[in-house]
Protein backbone atom coordinates (compact mmCIF):
# COMPACT_ATOMS: atom_id res chain seq x y z
CA MET A 1 0.00 0.12 -0.08
CA LYS A 2 2.87 2.64 1.06
CA ALA A 3 4.24 1.84 -2.59
CA LEU A 4 0.94 2.69 -4.31
CA LEU A 5 1.33 6.57 -3.31
CA PRO A 6 4.84 6.82 -5.20
CA MET A 7 3.89 5.05 -7.70
CA SER A 8 0.63 7.31 -8.18
CA LEU A 9 2.63 10.44 -7.95
CA LEU A 10 5.01 9.32 -10.59
CA ALA A 11 2.09 8.28 -12.74
CA THR A 12 0.79 11.98 -12.51
CA LEU A 13 4.27 13.62 -13.07
CA LEU A 14 4.30 11.77 -16.13
CA ALA A 15 1.45 12.47 -17.26
CA ALA A 16 1.87 16.32 -16.44
CA SER A 17 5.15 16.14 -18.41
CA ALA A 18 3.44 15.02 -21.24
CA PHE A 19 1.26 17.82 -21.82
CA ALA A 20 3.89 20.38 -20.73
CA ASP A 21 4.56 20.86 -24.60
CA CYS A 22 1.70 22.70 -25.51
CA VAL A 23 2.97 25.22 -27.99
CA ALA A 24 1.14 28.03 -28.91
CA PRO A 25 0.30 28.22 -32.94
CA THR A 26 1.61 31.15 -34.72
CA ILE A 27 -1.19 33.13 -36.41
CA ASP A 28 0.79 34.25 -39.36
CA ILE A 29 -2.03 34.65 -42.14
CA LYS A 30 -1.70 37.22 -44.80
CA VAL A 31 -5.22 38.72 -45.70
CA PRO A 32 -5.48 40.04 -48.98
CA ASP A 33 -6.55 43.54 -49.99
CA GLY A 34 -10.24 42.83 -50.99
CA THR A 35 -10.15 45.83 -53.58
CA THR A 36 -7.42 44.23 -55.45
CA ALA A 37 -7.58 40.45 -54.58
CA THR A 38 -8.48 37.79 -56.62
CA LEU A 39 -11.03 35.23 -55.74
CA ASP A 40 -8.30 32.41 -55.35
CA GLU A 41 -6.37 34.54 -52.93
CA MET A 42 -9.86 35.46 -50.67
CA LEU A 43 -10.52 31.70 -50.71
CA ALA A 44 -6.61 30.73 -49.60
CA ALA A 45 -6.91 33.08 -46.80
CA LYS A 46 -10.24 31.81 -45.83
CA HIS A 47 -8.94 28.42 -45.60
CA ALA A 48 -5.81 29.45 -43.81
CA ILE A 49 -8.23 30.81 -41.18
CA LYS A 50 -10.37 27.85 -40.84
CA ASP A 51 -7.04 25.61 -40.52
CA ALA A 52 -5.96 28.34 -37.64
CA ASP A 53 -9.04 27.90 -35.94
CA ALA A 54 -8.88 24.03 -35.92
CA THR A 55 -4.99 24.56 -34.52
CA VAL A 56 -6.15 27.05 -32.05
CA ALA A 57 -8.64 24.62 -30.82
CA GLN A 58 -6.19 21.64 -30.42
CA PHE A 59 -4.09 24.19 -28.52
CA ALA A 60 -6.97 24.82 -26.45
CA ASP A 61 -7.67 21.11 -25.81
CA CYS A 62 -3.63 20.74 -24.71
CA LEU A 63 -3.89 23.40 -22.45
CA LYS A 64 -7.06 21.84 -20.54
CA ALA A 65 -5.35 18.57 -20.33
CA GLU A 66 -1.81 20.57 -18.87
CA GLN A 67 -4.21 22.27 -16.77
CA ASP A 68 -5.98 19.37 -15.55
CA ALA A 69 -2.72 17.55 -14.92
CA LYS A 70 -1.09 19.93 -13.07
CA ILE A 71 -4.30 20.36 -10.56
CA ALA A 72 -4.59 16.74 -10.11
CA ALA A 73 -0.54 16.84 -9.41
CA GLY A 74 -1.52 18.99 -6.64
CA GLY A 75 -3.99 16.28 -5.07
CA ASP A 76 -6.58 17.19 -2.37
CA LYS A 77 -4.03 19.24 -0.34
CA MET A 78 -3.98 22.17 -3.13
CA LYS A 79 -6.22 25.12 -1.99
CA ASP A 80 -8.81 25.95 -4.24
CA GLU A 81 -7.11 29.56 -4.47
CA GLU A 82 -4.12 27.77 -6.07
CA LYS A 83 -6.52 25.84 -8.51
CA VAL A 84 -7.93 29.20 -9.85
CA LYS A 85 -4.43 30.50 -10.22
CA ILE A 86 -3.34 27.70 -12.27
CA SER A 87 -6.81 27.75 -14.26
CA ALA A 88 -6.37 31.62 -15.03
CA GLY A 89 -2.90 31.35 -16.24
CA TYR A 90 -3.87 28.37 -18.54
CA VAL A 91 -7.20 30.72 -19.60
CA ASP A 92 -4.95 33.54 -20.54
CA ARG A 93 -2.59 31.51 -22.59
CA GLN A 94 -5.33 30.23 -24.71
CA ASN A 95 -7.23 33.96 -24.96
CA ALA A 96 -4.10 35.40 -26.10
CA VAL A 97 -3.96 33.15 -28.86
CA ALA A 98 -7.74 33.24 -29.77
CA ASP A 99 -7.31 37.21 -29.73
CA GLN A 100 -4.77 36.89 -32.32
CA LEU A 101 -7.06 34.62 -34.76
CA GLN A 102 -9.84 37.01 -33.88
CA LYS A 103 -7.95 40.24 -35.37
CA VAL A 104 -6.82 38.56 -38.36
CA ALA A 105 -10.61 37.16 -38.82
CA ASP A 106 -11.82 40.74 -38.61
CA GLN A 107 -9.38 41.70 -41.01
CA PHE A 108 -10.72 39.06 -43.35
CA ASN A 109 -13.93 40.25 -42.97
CA VAL A 110 -13.33 43.80 -43.93
CA ALA A 111 -11.40 42.40 -46.84
CA VAL A 112 -14.62 40.29 -47.99
CA ARG A 113 -16.57 43.13 -47.75
CA ALA A 114 -14.29 45.12 -49.70
CA TYR A 115 -14.04 42.29 -52.42
CA LYS A 116 -17.84 42.01 -52.62
CA ALA A 117 -18.13 45.42 -53.16
CA LYS A 118 -15.50 45.46 -55.70
CA SER A 119 -17.32 42.56 -57.49
CA ALA A 120 -20.56 44.32 -57.59
CA ALA A 121 -19.21 47.58 -58.92
CA ALA A 122 -17.73 45.46 -61.45
CA GLY A 123 -21.49 44.42 -62.84
CA PRO A 124 -22.62 40.78 -63.19
CA ALA A 125 -20.19 38.21 -64.69
CA PRO A 126 -20.28 37.89 -68.65
CA PRO A 127 -22.64 34.82 -69.63
CA ALA A 128 -20.67 31.57 -70.36
CA PRO A 129 -20.27 30.89 -73.84
CA PRO A 130 -22.69 28.38 -75.51
CA ALA A 131 -21.88 24.85 -75.55
CA PRO A 132 -20.64 23.64 -78.34
CA PRO A 133 -23.10 21.35 -80.38
CA ALA A 134 -23.33 18.00 -80.05
CA PRO A 135 -21.77 15.70 -83.02
CA PRO A 136 -24.07 14.02 -85.11
CA ALA A 137 -25.27 10.37 -84.15
CA ASN A 138 -23.80 7.73 -86.20
CA PRO A 139 -26.17 5.64 -87.97
C-alpha cells in the first residue's frame, strides 16, 4: 500500500510532463486586400483561417489537459485559490492566441466586404459561352 502512493505520484508527474509541451500556434496569415484580391487569394485566406482555427482548438485542448494534470498533481491538499490561479494562467494563454486569430478574422471580414463591393461595382459576370453543338449520331 505504501508503494501505491509513490507510483501514483510518478504516474501523475509523467502525465503532467506529457502535456507540458503545449506550444502556442503562430497566427501568421496574410489577409489580401479585398479591393485588389482575386477569388483564389480570398479563398486561400479563408482556408488558412479555418486551419488556424482548428489549430487553436487543438491548443486549447492541450492546455486543458495540461491544466487538469497540474491540478491533479496537486492532489487534495491544493487549495481552491491555487487551482483558480493555475486555471487563470491557462485561460490567459488560450485567450492570447484566440485574440490573435480574432484580429486576423476581423481583417478578413473587412477584406471580404471590400471584395464583394468591388465585384458588385464590376457588374455581373459575362454569360458563359454557349456549349458546342453535340456531334451527330452515327447511324
